[in-house]
């Protein structure tokens, strides 16, 4: 299954990140079990990283702020340092 087939893009806010996955607030619903591709720039005070990942949606819950709280587990991912 190609996770980018018929791909839609959306911006999301990261709220949790670990080696195994991440949590984000997204403006749309994702189906649990759905495979997605994530491309993001993670910015820090010292340096930034570019994340490229294939992931599976673990859960998706509607939040009070009219967004969705989404948890994903990485199937594969790479991080590359981005110098400012």
PDB file of N, CA and C in Angstrom:
ATOM      1  N   UNK A   1       0.851  -1.191   0.000  1.00  0.00           N
ATOM      2  CA  UNK A   1       0.000   0.000   0.000  1.00  0.00           C
ATOM      3  C   UNK A   1       0.883   1.237   0.000  1.00  0.00           C
ATOM      4  N   UNK A   2       0.624   2.138  -0.902  1.00  0.00           N
ATOM      5  CA  UNK A   2       1.394   3.375  -1.009  1.00  0.00           C
ATOM      6  C   UNK A   2       0.720   4.452  -0.172  1.00  0.00           C
ATOM      7  N   UNK A   3       1.353   4.887   0.957  1.00  0.00           N
ATOM      8  CA  UNK A   3       0.719   5.883   1.823  1.00  0.00           C
ATOM      9  C   UNK A   3       0.578   7.251   1.182  1.00  0.00           C
ATOM     10  N   UNK A   4       1.221   7.486   0.047  1.00  0.00           N
ATOM     11  CA  UNK A   4       1.113   8.787  -0.610  1.00  0.00           C
ATOM     12  C   UNK A   4       0.090   8.774  -1.745  1.00  0.00           C
ATOM     13  N   UNK A   5      -0.496   7.621  -2.069  1.00  0.00           N
ATOM     14  CA  UNK A   5      -1.492   7.549  -3.139  1.00  0.00           C
ATOM     15  C   UNK A   5      -2.717   8.366  -2.740  1.00  0.00           C
ATOM     16  N   UNK A   6      -3.147   9.264  -3.606  1.00  0.00           N
ATOM     17  CA  UNK A   6      -4.280  10.131  -3.302  1.00  0.00           C
ATOM     18  C   UNK A   6      -4.017  11.031  -2.117  1.00  0.00           C
ATOM     19  N   UNK A   7      -2.774  11.426  -1.939  1.00  0.00           N
ATOM     20  CA  UNK A   7      -2.348  12.159  -0.743  1.00  0.00           C
ATOM     21  C   UNK A   7      -3.016  13.519  -0.619  1.00  0.00           C
ATOM     22  N   UNK A   8      -3.363  13.851   0.612  1.00  0.00           N
ATOM     23  CA  UNK A   8      -3.830  15.184   0.986  1.00  0.00           C
ATOM     24  C   UNK A   8      -2.797  15.721   1.958  1.00  0.00           C
ATOM     25  N   UNK A   9      -2.586  17.007   1.938  1.00  0.00           N
ATOM     26  CA  UNK A   9      -1.650  17.593   2.888  1.00  0.00           C
ATOM     27  C   UNK A   9      -2.420  18.454   3.889  1.00  0.00           C
ATOM     28  N   UNK A  10      -1.828  18.568   5.063  1.00  0.00           N
ATOM     29  CA  UNK A  10      -2.406  19.461   6.070  1.00  0.00           C
ATOM     30  C   UNK A  10      -1.305  19.853   7.040  1.00  0.00           C
ATOM     31  N   UNK A  11      -1.423  21.022   7.580  1.00  0.00           N
ATOM     32  CA  UNK A  11      -0.503  21.472   8.606  1.00  0.00           C
ATOM     33  C   UNK A  11      -0.946  20.913   9.948  1.00  0.00           C
ATOM     34  N   UNK A  12      -0.017  20.632  10.819  1.00  0.00           N
ATOM     35  CA  UNK A  12      -0.341  20.115  12.140  1.00  0.00           C
ATOM     36  C   UNK A  12       0.644  20.684  13.157  1.00  0.00           C
ATOM     37  N   UNK A  13       0.232  20.714  14.409  1.00  0.00           N
ATOM     38  CA  UNK A  13       1.091  21.185  15.499  1.00  0.00           C
ATOM     39  C   UNK A  13       1.574  19.986  16.304  1.00  0.00           C
ATOM     40  N   UNK A  14       2.869  19.876  16.438  1.00  0.00           N
ATOM     41  CA  UNK A  14       3.476  18.790  17.185  1.00  0.00           C
ATOM     42  C   UNK A  14       3.339  19.049  18.674  1.00  0.00           C
ATOM     43  N   UNK A  15       2.918  18.061  19.460  1.00  0.00           N
ATOM     44  CA  UNK A  15       2.866  18.217  20.911  1.00  0.00           C
ATOM     45  C   UNK A  15       3.652  17.141  21.648  1.00  0.00           C
ATOM     46  N   UNK A  16       4.061  16.080  20.940  1.00  0.00           N
ATOM     47  CA  UNK A  16       4.852  15.026  21.571  1.00  0.00           C
ATOM     48  C   UNK A  16       5.685  14.346  20.490  1.00  0.00           C
ATOM     49  N   UNK A  17       6.925  13.977  20.834  1.00  0.00           N
ATOM     50  CA  UNK A  17       7.812  13.338  19.869  1.00  0.00           C
ATOM     51  C   UNK A  17       8.710  12.354  20.593  1.00  0.00           C
ATOM     52  N   UNK A  18       8.844  11.151  20.041  1.00  0.00           N
ATOM     53  CA  UNK A  18       9.766  10.159  20.593  1.00  0.00           C
ATOM     54  C   UNK A  18      10.341   9.347  19.442  1.00  0.00           C
ATOM     55  N   UNK A  19      11.234   8.440  19.764  1.00  0.00           N
ATOM     56  CA  UNK A  19      11.833   7.594  18.735  1.00  0.00           C
ATOM     57  C   UNK A  19      10.786   6.715  18.055  1.00  0.00           C
ATOM     58  N   UNK A  20       9.719   6.374  18.775  1.00  0.00           N
ATOM     59  CA  UNK A  20       8.715   5.461  18.233  1.00  0.00           C
ATOM     60  C   UNK A  20       7.534   6.096  17.532  1.00  0.00           C
ATOM     61  N   UNK A  21       7.347   7.411  17.696  1.00  0.00           N
ATOM     62  CA  UNK A  21       6.195   8.051  17.073  1.00  0.00           C
ATOM     63  C   UNK A  21       6.045   9.484  17.522  1.00  0.00           C
ATOM     64  N   UNK A  22       4.879  10.039  17.235  1.00  0.00           N
ATOM     65  CA  UNK A  22       4.629  11.421  17.633  1.00  0.00           C
ATOM     66  C   UNK A  22       3.152  11.650  17.857  1.00  0.00           C
ATOM     67  N   UNK A  23       2.871  12.764  18.540  1.00  0.00           N
ATOM     68  CA  UNK A  23       1.516  13.230  18.739  1.00  0.00           C
ATOM     69  C   UNK A  23       1.381  14.597  18.109  1.00  0.00           C
ATOM     70  N   UNK A  24       0.245  14.837  17.476  1.00  0.00           N
ATOM     71  CA  UNK A  24       0.034  16.121  16.804  1.00  0.00           C
ATOM     72  C   UNK A  24      -1.422  16.522  16.908  1.00  0.00           C
ATOM     73  N   UNK A  25      -1.660  17.817  16.779  1.00  0.00           N
ATOM     74  CA  UNK A  25      -3.005  18.360  16.639  1.00  0.00           C
ATOM     75  C   UNK A  25      -3.176  18.718  15.174  1.00  0.00           C
ATOM     76  N   UNK A  26      -4.172  18.119  14.547  1.00  0.00           N
ATOM     77  CA  UNK A  26      -4.388  18.291  13.108  1.00  0.00           C
ATOM     78  C   UNK A  26      -5.773  18.872  12.837  1.00  0.00           C
ATOM     79  N   UNK A  27      -5.938  19.573  11.715  1.00  0.00           N
ATOM     80  CA  UNK A  27      -7.221  20.178  11.403  1.00  0.00           C
ATOM     81  C   UNK A  27      -8.242  19.199  10.812  1.00  0.00           C
ATOM     82  N   UNK A  28      -7.827  17.946  10.567  1.00  0.00           N
ATOM     83  CA  UNK A  28      -8.763  16.984   9.986  1.00  0.00           C
ATOM     84  C   UNK A  28      -8.621  15.618  10.645  1.00  0.00           C
ATOM     85  N   UNK A  29      -9.601  14.786  10.430  1.00  0.00           N
ATOM     86  CA  UNK A  29      -9.650  13.438  10.993  1.00  0.00           C
ATOM     87  C   UNK A  29      -8.754  12.481  10.207  1.00  0.00           C
ATOM     88  N   UNK A  30      -8.113  11.560  10.926  1.00  0.00           N
ATOM     89  CA  UNK A  30      -7.354  10.463  10.328  1.00  0.00           C
ATOM     90  C   UNK A  30      -7.935   9.162  10.858  1.00  0.00           C
ATOM     91  N   UNK A  31      -8.014   8.155  10.017  1.00  0.00           N
ATOM     92  CA  UNK A  31      -8.539   6.859  10.426  1.00  0.00           C
ATOM     93  C   UNK A  31      -7.483   6.057  11.176  1.00  0.00           C
ATOM     94  N   UNK A  32      -7.792   5.515  12.346  1.00  0.00           N
ATOM     95  CA  UNK A  32      -6.855   4.616  13.016  1.00  0.00           C
ATOM     96  C   UNK A  32      -6.497   3.451  12.092  1.00  0.00           C
ATOM     97  N   UNK A  33      -5.225   3.115  12.055  1.00  0.00           N
ATOM     98  CA  UNK A  33      -4.732   2.069  11.161  1.00  0.00           C
ATOM     99  C   UNK A  33      -4.257   2.591   9.816  1.00  0.00           C
ATOM    100  N   UNK A  34      -4.643   3.809   9.473  1.00  0.00           N
ATOM    101  CA  UNK A  34      -4.251   4.425   8.201  1.00  0.00           C
ATOM    102  C   UNK A  34      -2.749   4.679   8.172  1.00  0.00           C
ATOM    103  N   UNK A  35      -2.110   4.387   7.055  1.00  0.00           N
ATOM    104  CA  UNK A  35      -0.700   4.727   6.881  1.00  0.00           C
ATOM    105  C   UNK A  35      -0.608   6.134   6.301  1.00  0.00           C
ATOM    106  N   UNK A  36       0.290   6.929   6.877  1.00  0.00           N
ATOM    107  CA  UNK A  36       0.481   8.299   6.405  1.00  0.00           C
ATOM    108  C   UNK A  36       1.968   8.580   6.254  1.00  0.00           C
ATOM    109  N   UNK A  37       2.265   9.595   5.477  1.00  0.00           N
ATOM    110  CA  UNK A  37       3.638  10.079   5.347  1.00  0.00           C
ATOM    111  C   UNK A  37       3.715  11.427   6.035  1.00  0.00           C
ATOM    112  N   UNK A  38       4.782  11.616   6.804  1.00  0.00           N
ATOM    113  CA  UNK A  38       4.985  12.865   7.528  1.00  0.00           C
ATOM    114  C   UNK A  38       6.296  13.475   7.081  1.00  0.00           C
ATOM    115  N   UNK A  39       6.238  14.726   6.679  1.00  0.00           N
ATOM    116  CA  UNK A  39       7.432  15.505   6.374  1.00  0.00           C
ATOM    117  C   UNK A  39       7.326  16.776   7.189  1.00  0.00           C
ATOM    118  N   UNK A  40       8.340  17.025   8.019  1.00  0.00           N
ATOM    119  CA  UNK A  40       8.260  18.173   8.919  1.00  0.00           C
ATOM    120  C   UNK A  40       9.645  18.701   9.239  1.00  0.00           C
ATOM    121  N   UNK A  41       9.676  19.968   9.585  1.00  0.00           N
ATOM    122  CA  UNK A  41      10.889  20.583  10.110  1.00  0.00           C
ATOM    123  C   UNK A  41      10.662  20.803  11.591  1.00  0.00           C
ATOM    124  N   UNK A  42      11.517  20.198  12.410  1.00  0.00           N
ATOM    125  CA  UNK A  42      11.437  20.323  13.857  1.00  0.00           C
ATOM    126  C   UNK A  42      12.488  21.329  14.278  1.00  0.00           C
ATOM    127  N   UNK A  43      12.052  22.473  14.763  1.00  0.00           N
ATOM    128  CA  UNK A  43      12.971  23.562  15.075  1.00  0.00           C
ATOM    129  C   UNK A  43      13.275  23.630  16.562  1.00  0.00           C
ATOM    130  N   UNK A  44      14.554  23.779  16.876  1.00  0.00           N
ATOM    131  CA  UNK A  44      15.000  23.938  18.251  1.00  0.00           C
ATOM    132  C   UNK A  44      15.816  25.201  18.394  1.00  0.00           C
ATOM    133  N   UNK A  45      16.275  25.478  19.608  1.00  0.00           N
ATOM    134  CA  UNK A  45      17.038  26.698  19.847  1.00  0.00           C
ATOM    135  C   UNK A  45      18.466  26.601  19.308  1.00  0.00           C
ATOM    136  N   UNK A  46      19.007  25.394  19.191  1.00  0.00           N
ATOM    137  CA  UNK A  46      20.386  25.225  18.740  1.00  0.00           C
ATOM    138  C   UNK A  46      20.457  24.802  17.273  1.00  0.00           C
ATOM    139  N   UNK A  47      19.599  23.870  16.864  1.00  0.00           N
ATOM    140  CA  UNK A  47      19.570  23.428  15.477  1.00  0.00           C
ATOM    141  C   UNK A  47      18.189  22.880  15.157  1.00  0.00           C
ATOM    142  N   UNK A  48      17.930  22.605  13.897  1.00  0.00           N
ATOM    143  CA  UNK A  48      16.657  22.060  13.444  1.00  0.00           C
ATOM    144  C   UNK A  48      16.894  20.731  12.744  1.00  0.00           C
ATOM    145  N   UNK A  49      15.838  19.922  12.701  1.00  0.00           N
ATOM    146  CA  UNK A  49      15.897  18.627  12.038  1.00  0.00           C
ATOM    147  C   UNK A  49      14.763  18.533  11.027  1.00  0.00           C
ATOM    148  N   UNK A  50      15.033  17.831   9.936  1.00  0.00           N
ATOM    149  CA  UNK A  50      13.986  17.516   8.967  1.00  0.00           C
ATOM    150  C   UNK A  50      13.580  16.068   9.207  1.00  0.00           C
ATOM    151  N   UNK A  51      12.298  15.834   9.419  1.00  0.00           N
ATOM    152  CA  UNK A  51      11.753  14.502   9.640  1.00  0.00           C
ATOM    153  C   UNK A  51      11.044  14.046   8.383  1.00  0.00           C
ATOM    154  N   UNK A  52      11.341  12.848   7.948  1.00  0.00           N
ATOM    155  CA  UNK A  52      10.632  12.198   6.846  1.00  0.00           C
ATOM    156  C   UNK A  52      10.247  10.821   7.369  1.00  0.00           C
ATOM    157  N   UNK A  53       8.946  10.536   7.447  1.00  0.00           N
ATOM    158  CA  UNK A  53       8.506   9.296   8.077  1.00  0.00           C
ATOM    159  C   UNK A  53       7.306   8.693   7.366  1.00  0.00           C
ATOM    160  N   UNK A  54       7.233   7.384   7.478  1.00  0.00           N
ATOM    161  CA  UNK A  54       6.040   6.627   7.124  1.00  0.00           C
ATOM    162  C   UNK A  54       5.516   6.129   8.463  1.00  0.00           C
ATOM    163  N   UNK A  55       4.224   6.342   8.720  1.00  0.00           N
ATOM    164  CA  UNK A  55       3.679   6.052  10.045  1.00  0.00           C
ATOM    165  C   UNK A  55       2.275   5.470   9.937  1.00  0.00           C
ATOM    166  N   UNK A  56       1.838   4.857  11.041  1.00  0.00           N
ATOM    167  CA  UNK A  56       0.481   4.324  11.136  1.00  0.00           C
ATOM    168  C   UNK A  56      -0.245   5.081  12.245  1.00  0.00           C
ATOM    169  N   UNK A  57      -1.459   5.526  11.936  1.00  0.00           N
ATOM    170  CA  UNK A  57      -2.270   6.255  12.916  1.00  0.00           C
ATOM    171  C   UNK A  57      -2.713   5.288  14.009  1.00  0.00           C
ATOM    172  N   UNK A  58      -2.365   5.598  15.256  1.00  0.00           N
ATOM    173  CA  UNK A  58      -2.759   4.778  16.406  1.00  0.00           C
ATOM    174  C   UNK A  58      -4.132   5.208  16.932  1.00  0.00           C
ATOM    175  N   UNK A  59      -4.361   6.520  16.991  1.00  0.00           N
ATOM    176  CA  UNK A  59      -5.659   7.028  17.432  1.00  0.00           C
ATOM    177  C   UNK A  59      -5.879   8.423  16.874  1.00  0.00           C
ATOM    178  N   UNK A  60      -7.141   8.822  16.850  1.00  0.00           N
ATOM    179  CA  UNK A  60      -7.523  10.166  16.411  1.00  0.00           C
ATOM    180  C   UNK A  60      -8.786  10.546  17.186  1.00  0.00           C
ATOM    181  N   UNK A  61      -8.666  11.599  17.993  1.00  0.00           N
ATOM    182  CA  UNK A  61      -9.778  12.046  18.829  1.00  0.00           C
ATOM    183  C   UNK A  61     -10.067  13.519  18.588  1.00  0.00           C
ATOM    184  N   UNK A  62     -11.331  13.855  18.534  1.00  0.00           N
ATOM    185  CA  UNK A  62     -11.744  15.258  18.394  1.00  0.00           C
ATOM    186  C   UNK A  62     -11.400  15.988  19.691  1.00  0.00           C
ATOM    187  N   UNK A  63     -10.791  17.166  19.587  1.00  0.00           N
ATOM    188  CA  UNK A  63     -10.462  17.933  20.785  1.00  0.00           C
ATOM    189  C   UNK A  63     -11.429  19.097  20.949  1.00  0.00           C
ATOM    190  N   UNK A  64     -11.354  19.759  22.086  1.00  0.00           N
ATOM    191  CA  UNK A  64     -12.245  20.890  22.367  1.00  0.00           C
ATOM    192  C   UNK A  64     -11.978  22.080  21.452  1.00  0.00           C
ATOM    193  N   UNK A  65     -10.767  22.164  20.913  1.00  0.00           N
ATOM    194  CA  UNK A  65     -10.416  23.315  20.071  1.00  0.00           C
ATOM    195  C   UNK A  65     -10.791  23.095  18.604  1.00  0.00           C
ATOM    196  N   UNK A  66     -11.652  22.126  18.334  1.00  0.00           N
ATOM    197  CA  UNK A  66     -12.115  21.822  16.974  1.00  0.00           C
ATOM    198  C   UNK A  66     -11.025  21.267  16.065  1.00  0.00           C
ATOM    199  N   UNK A  67      -9.980  20.741  16.671  1.00  0.00           N
ATOM    200  CA  UNK A  67      -8.949  20.035  15.918  1.00  0.00           C
ATOM    201  C   UNK A  67      -8.992  18.571  16.360  1.00  0.00           C
ATOM    202  N   UNK A  68      -8.095  17.790  15.829  1.00  0.00           N
ATOM    203  CA  UNK A  68      -8.019  16.378  16.185  1.00  0.00           C
ATOM    204  C   UNK A  68      -6.674  16.084  16.832  1.00  0.00           C
ATOM    205  N   UNK A  69      -6.693  15.382  17.942  1.00  0.00           N
ATOM    206  CA  UNK A  69      -5.474  14.921  18.598  1.00  0.00           C
ATOM    207  C   UNK A  69      -5.161  13.564  17.982  1.00  0.00           C
ATOM    208  N   UNK A  70      -3.990  13.476  17.325  1.00  0.00           N
ATOM    209  CA  UNK A  70      -3.630  12.287  16.553  1.00  0.00           C
ATOM    210  C   UNK A  70      -2.316  11.729  17.077  1.00  0.00           C
ATOM    211  N   UNK A  71      -2.284  10.425  17.328  1.00  0.00           N
ATOM    212  CA  UNK A  71      -1.064   9.739  17.719  1.00  0.00           C
ATOM    213  C   UNK A  71      -0.655   8.782  16.617  1.00  0.00           C
ATOM    214  N   UNK A  72       0.606   8.803  16.239  1.00  0.00           N
ATOM    215  CA  UNK A  72       1.085   7.913  15.184  1.00  0.00           C
ATOM    216  C   UNK A  72       2.324   7.150  15.652  1.00  0.00           C
ATOM    217  N   UNK A  73       2.473   5.949  15.129  1.00  0.00           N
ATOM    218  CA  UNK A  73       3.651   5.120  15.391  1.00  0.00           C
ATOM    219  C   UNK A  73       4.467   5.048  14.104  1.00  0.00           C
ATOM    220  N   UNK A  74       5.758   5.324  14.214  1.00  0.00           N
ATOM    221  CA  UNK A  74       6.617   5.275  13.039  1.00  0.00           C
ATOM    222  C   UNK A  74       6.770   3.840  12.547  1.00  0.00           C
ATOM    223  N   UNK A  75       6.654   3.656  11.247  1.00  0.00           N
ATOM    224  CA  UNK A  75       6.981   2.394  10.604  1.00  0.00           C
ATOM    225  C   UNK A  75       8.422   2.447  10.116  1.00  0.00           C
ATOM    226  N   UNK A  76       8.807   3.626   9.631  1.00  0.00           N
ATOM    227  CA  UNK A  76      10.194   3.934   9.288  1.00  0.00           C
ATOM    228  C   UNK A  76      10.338   5.449   9.271  1.00  0.00           C
ATOM    229  N   UNK A  77      11.526   5.928   9.627  1.00  0.00           N
ATOM    230  CA  UNK A  77      11.718   7.375   9.642  1.00  0.00           C
ATOM    231  C   UNK A  77      13.204   7.711   9.545  1.00  0.00           C
ATOM    232  N   UNK A  78      13.444   8.937   9.100  1.00  0.00           N
ATOM    233  CA  UNK A  78      14.805   9.464   9.070  1.00  0.00           C
ATOM    234  C   UNK A  78      14.780  10.893   9.571  1.00  0.00           C
ATOM    235  N   UNK A  79      15.834  11.262  10.260  1.00  0.00           N
ATOM    236  CA  UNK A  79      16.030  12.626  10.737  1.00  0.00           C
ATOM    237  C   UNK A  79      17.325  13.145  10.144  1.00  0.00           C
ATOM    238  N   UNK A  80      17.267  14.366   9.635  1.00  0.00           N
ATOM    239  CA  UNK A  80      18.460  14.986   9.055  1.00  0.00           C
ATOM    240  C   UNK A  80      18.601  16.373   9.639  1.00  0.00           C
ATOM    241  N   UNK A  81      19.795  16.670  10.145  1.00  0.00           N
ATOM    242  CA  UNK A  81      20.043  17.992  10.722  1.00  0.00           C
ATOM    243  C   UNK A  81      20.001  19.054   9.615  1.00  0.00           C
ATOM    244  N   UNK A  82      19.346  20.165   9.938  1.00  0.00           N
ATOM    245  CA  UNK A  82      19.255  21.294   9.028  1.00  0.00           C
ATOM    246  C   UNK A  82      19.984  22.454   9.693  1.00  0.00           C
ATOM    247  N   UNK A  83      21.083  22.899   9.108  1.00  0.00           N
ATOM    248  CA  UNK A  83      21.787  24.048   9.656  1.00  0.00           C
ATOM    249  C   UNK A  83      21.114  25.321   9.202  1.00  0.00           C
ATOM    250  N   UNK A  84      20.943  26.240  10.130  1.00  0.00           N
ATOM    251  CA  UNK A  84      20.234  27.499   9.825  1.00  0.00           C
ATOM    252  C   UNK A  84      21.021  28.399   8.931  1.00  0.00           C
TER     253      UNK A  84
END
